[in-house]
Protein backbone atom coordinates (compact mmCIF):
# COMPACT_ATOMS: atom_id res chain seq x y z
CA LEU A 1 0.90 5.63 6.50
CA GLY A 2 1.78 9.26 5.82
CA SER A 3 -1.24 10.06 3.63
CA THR A 4 -3.61 12.88 4.56
CA TYR A 5 -7.07 14.04 3.53
CA ASN A 6 -7.99 17.65 4.34
CA ASN A 7 -4.91 17.79 6.60
CA MET A 8 -6.10 14.76 8.60
CA HIS A 9 -4.09 11.55 8.63
CA VAL A 10 -6.06 8.77 6.97
CA GLY A 11 -5.75 6.62 10.08
CA THR A 12 -7.90 9.13 12.00
CA LEU A 13 -10.88 9.31 9.64
CA ALA A 14 -12.79 6.30 10.95
CA ASP A 15 -13.63 4.62 14.24
CA VAL A 16 -10.88 2.07 13.57
CA ALA A 17 -7.92 2.08 11.19
CA SER A 18 -5.48 -0.72 10.42
CA PHE A 19 -1.91 -0.50 9.15
CA SER A 20 0.17 -3.26 7.61
CA PHE A 21 3.88 -3.59 8.43
CA PHE A 22 4.56 -6.29 5.83
CA GLY A 23 8.00 -6.21 4.22
CA ASN A 24 7.00 -4.04 1.25
CA LYS A 25 5.19 -1.34 3.22
CA THR A 26 6.39 2.21 3.96
CA ILE A 27 7.76 1.01 7.28
CA THR A 28 8.03 -2.66 8.17
CA THR A 29 8.42 -4.97 11.12
CA GLY A 30 8.82 -7.93 8.79
CA GLU A 31 5.19 -8.92 9.31
CA GLY A 32 2.25 -7.87 11.43
CA GLY A 33 0.48 -4.57 11.72
CA MET A 34 -1.24 -2.06 13.95
CA VAL A 35 -4.79 -1.04 14.80
CA ALA A 36 -5.58 2.54 15.80
CA SER A 37 -8.68 4.06 17.40
CA SER A 38 -9.58 7.03 19.58
CA ASN A 39 -12.30 4.97 21.29
CA PRO A 40 -11.00 3.43 24.57
CA LYS A 41 -13.66 0.69 24.54
CA ILE A 42 -12.60 -0.44 21.08
CA ILE A 43 -8.92 -0.42 22.06
CA ASP A 44 -9.66 -2.48 25.18
CA LYS A 45 -11.56 -5.04 23.12
CA ILE A 46 -8.76 -5.24 20.54
CA ARG A 47 -6.18 -5.81 23.29
CA LYS A 48 -8.30 -8.60 24.70
CA LEU A 49 -8.87 -10.28 21.33
CA LYS A 50 -5.21 -10.12 20.28
CA ASN A 51 -4.21 -11.68 23.61
CA GLN A 52 -6.20 -14.90 23.08
CA GLY A 53 -9.29 -13.57 24.86
CA LEU A 54 -7.60 -13.65 28.27
CA SER A 55 -9.79 -12.64 31.19
CA GLU A 56 -8.97 -9.39 32.98
CA THR A 57 -10.00 -10.77 36.37
CA LYS A 58 -9.09 -14.47 36.41
CA GLU A 59 -5.63 -15.94 35.82
CA TYR A 60 -5.12 -18.05 32.70
CA TYR A 61 -8.83 -18.02 31.97
CA TYR A 62 -10.27 -17.17 28.56
CA ASP A 63 -13.82 -15.87 28.57
CA VAL A 64 -14.09 -15.02 24.85
CA LEU A 65 -12.68 -16.54 21.67
CA GLY A 66 -9.48 -14.60 20.97
CA TYR A 67 -6.41 -14.72 18.73
CA ASN A 68 -2.65 -14.83 19.11
CA PHE A 69 -1.94 -11.60 17.24
CA ARG A 70 0.71 -10.15 19.52
CA MET A 71 3.76 -8.49 17.97
CA THR A 72 7.13 -9.37 19.50
CA ASN A 73 9.14 -6.68 21.25
CA ILE A 74 11.96 -7.09 18.71
CA CYS A 75 9.62 -6.53 15.76
CA ALA A 76 8.08 -3.52 17.51
CA ALA A 77 11.56 -2.07 18.11
CA ILE A 78 12.35 -2.38 14.39
CA GLY A 79 9.13 -0.53 13.58
CA CYS A 80 9.82 2.22 16.12
CA ALA A 81 13.31 2.74 14.69
CA GLN A 82 11.86 3.16 11.20
CA LEU A 83 9.11 5.45 12.47
CA GLU A 84 11.83 7.84 13.63
CA LYS A 85 12.84 8.16 9.94
CA ILE A 86 9.30 8.34 8.52
CA ASP A 87 9.67 11.91 7.19
CA GLN A 88 12.82 10.93 5.32
CA ILE A 89 11.17 7.81 3.90
CA LEU A 90 8.08 9.74 2.74
CA SER A 91 10.28 12.41 1.15
CA LYS A 92 12.11 9.73 -0.84
CA LYS A 93 8.81 8.18 -1.94
CA ARG A 94 7.48 11.53 -3.17
CA ASN A 95 10.73 12.18 -5.00
CA LEU A 96 10.39 8.75 -6.59
CA TYR A 97 6.93 9.65 -7.88
CA ASN A 98 8.19 12.99 -9.24
CA GLN A 99 10.98 11.28 -11.18
CA TYR A 100 8.63 8.71 -12.70
CA ALA A 101 6.22 11.51 -13.65
CA LYS A 102 9.05 13.53 -15.22
CA PHE A 103 10.41 10.70 -17.36
CA LEU A 104 6.93 9.63 -18.50
CA GLU A 105 5.38 13.08 -18.93
CA ASN A 106 5.49 12.97 -22.75
CA ASN A 107 3.81 9.58 -22.92
CA ASN A 108 0.09 10.24 -23.44
CA LYS A 109 -0.70 6.52 -23.33
CA ILE A 110 -0.06 6.45 -19.58
CA LYS A 111 -2.06 7.94 -16.73
CA PHE A 112 -1.00 8.52 -13.14
CA GLN A 113 -3.52 8.69 -10.32
CA LYS A 114 -4.84 12.21 -9.93
CA ILE A 115 -3.94 13.70 -6.55
CA ASP A 116 -6.31 16.51 -5.57
CA LYS A 117 -5.06 19.57 -3.70
CA HIS A 118 -6.64 18.53 -0.39
CA ILE A 119 -4.90 15.14 -0.52
CA SER A 120 -1.32 14.26 0.37
CA SER A 121 -0.22 10.83 -0.85
CA SER A 122 2.42 8.65 0.75
CA TYR A 123 3.09 7.05 -2.67
CA TRP A 124 3.42 3.61 -1.16
CA MET A 125 3.20 2.25 -4.70
CA ILE A 126 3.78 4.26 -7.87
CA SER A 127 0.85 3.22 -10.03
CA ILE A 128 0.10 3.86 -13.70
CA SER A 129 -2.72 2.81 -16.00
CA PHE A 130 -2.98 2.20 -19.72
CA GLU A 131 -5.66 2.48 -22.38
CA ASN A 132 -6.56 -1.21 -22.23
CA SER A 133 -5.60 -4.52 -20.64
CA GLN A 134 -3.69 -5.73 -23.70
CA THR A 135 -1.28 -2.80 -23.51
CA MET A 136 -0.86 -3.37 -19.78
CA LEU A 137 0.06 -7.02 -20.34
CA GLU A 138 2.50 -6.13 -23.13
CA VAL A 139 4.28 -3.52 -20.98
CA ARG A 140 4.52 -5.90 -18.02
CA GLU A 141 6.02 -8.57 -20.25
CA ARG A 142 8.53 -6.15 -21.75
CA LEU A 143 9.62 -4.98 -18.31
CA LYS A 144 9.86 -8.57 -17.07
CA ASN A 145 12.09 -9.48 -20.02
CA ASN A 146 14.40 -6.66 -18.95
CA GLY A 147 14.62 -7.82 -15.33
CA ILE A 148 12.05 -5.33 -14.02
CA GLU A 149 9.38 -6.68 -11.68
CA THR A 150 5.96 -5.04 -11.59
CA ARG A 151 2.75 -5.83 -9.74
CA PRO A 152 -0.80 -5.92 -11.05
CA MET A 153 -3.49 -3.88 -9.38
CA PHE A 154 -5.40 -5.68 -6.65
CA THR A 155 -8.45 -7.66 -7.72
CA PRO A 156 -11.55 -5.87 -6.37
CA MET A 157 -12.84 -7.67 -3.28
CA HIS A 158 -16.31 -8.27 -4.71
CA LEU A 159 -14.72 -10.45 -7.43
CA LEU A 160 -12.95 -12.77 -5.00
CA PRO A 161 -14.57 -16.22 -4.71
CA MET A 162 -15.05 -16.17 -0.93
CA PHE A 163 -17.36 -13.15 -1.19
CA ASN A 164 -19.35 -14.46 -4.16
CA SER A 165 -20.82 -11.03 -4.80
CA ARG A 166 -23.07 -10.24 -7.73
CA SER A 167 -22.50 -6.52 -7.32
CA LYS A 168 -20.96 -4.48 -10.10
CA PHE A 169 -18.28 -1.84 -9.54
CA PRO A 170 -17.18 -0.99 -13.09
CA ASN A 171 -14.57 1.64 -12.17
CA ALA A 172 -12.74 -0.66 -9.74
CA GLU A 173 -13.00 -3.57 -12.18
CA ASN A 174 -11.58 -1.50 -15.04
CA ILE A 175 -8.68 -0.11 -13.01
CA SER A 176 -7.69 -3.61 -11.89
CA LYS A 177 -7.47 -4.66 -15.55
CA ILE A 178 -5.45 -1.76 -16.96
CA GLY A 179 -3.13 -0.68 -14.12
CA ILE A 180 0.23 -1.78 -12.74
CA ASN A 181 2.45 -0.85 -9.81
CA LEU A 182 5.98 0.13 -10.76
CA PRO A 183 9.07 -0.61 -8.63
CA SER A 184 8.67 1.69 -5.64
CA PHE A 185 11.64 1.06 -3.36
CA PRO A 186 12.46 4.49 -1.87
CA ASP A 187 16.20 4.15 -2.51
CA LEU A 188 15.89 3.49 -6.24
CA LYS A 189 18.52 5.50 -8.11
CA GLU A 190 17.58 7.99 -10.80
CA SER A 191 19.47 5.88 -13.34
CA GLU A 192 17.35 2.87 -12.41
CA ILE A 193 14.12 4.84 -12.75
CA ARG A 194 15.34 6.13 -16.11
CA PHE A 195 16.01 2.55 -17.25
CA ILE A 196 12.49 1.48 -16.24
CA THR A 197 10.77 4.42 -17.90
CA ASP A 198 12.90 4.09 -21.05
CA LYS A 199 11.65 0.53 -21.50
CA ILE A 200 8.05 1.71 -21.11
CA ASN A 201 8.51 4.57 -23.56
CA GLU A 202 10.30 2.36 -26.08
CA HIS A 203 7.23 0.15 -26.24
CA LEU A 204 4.57 2.84 -26.34
CA LEU A 205 6.10 5.80 -28.17
């Protein structure tokens, strides 16, 4: 949410886009999410499926297998209230990235994701990568010992047991082994970011 590619919001680049409103996302409703599409037929089908497959013509009759994926009005109101502040939230997230980049700029053992000119990132998570997995594990442990929580990169989907894929995606596999997500709460203070980056630099420099 808030990212663009060639001045187009990422949620408009495909036939269907989904957004998560889990508690750690840019805006949250506590749980749940949203589906977006410019295709009326797709939207109608999504409405039907999320409402348990309820028939449009017959009362309390279900003519397809559906789901109970409806968001409550209270949760939606929380999301709408946060959406009114989305520009402020995104500005804080970008400032967060800039401060991390500034305090780690002299550390050549760390890489940030490259953001091309035609891309605008929402910086949902501030991510960095290291030269190898051993260094990544050592830095995570050092931060943990200083009360700083980090997150590993997501495991690539083709490596998850339910997909049982034999495909190889070496770039995704490597990134998942050497990268971490730093604390990315938009209201982190500069002193807190400095503390985090000092602990990283102390270990690597």
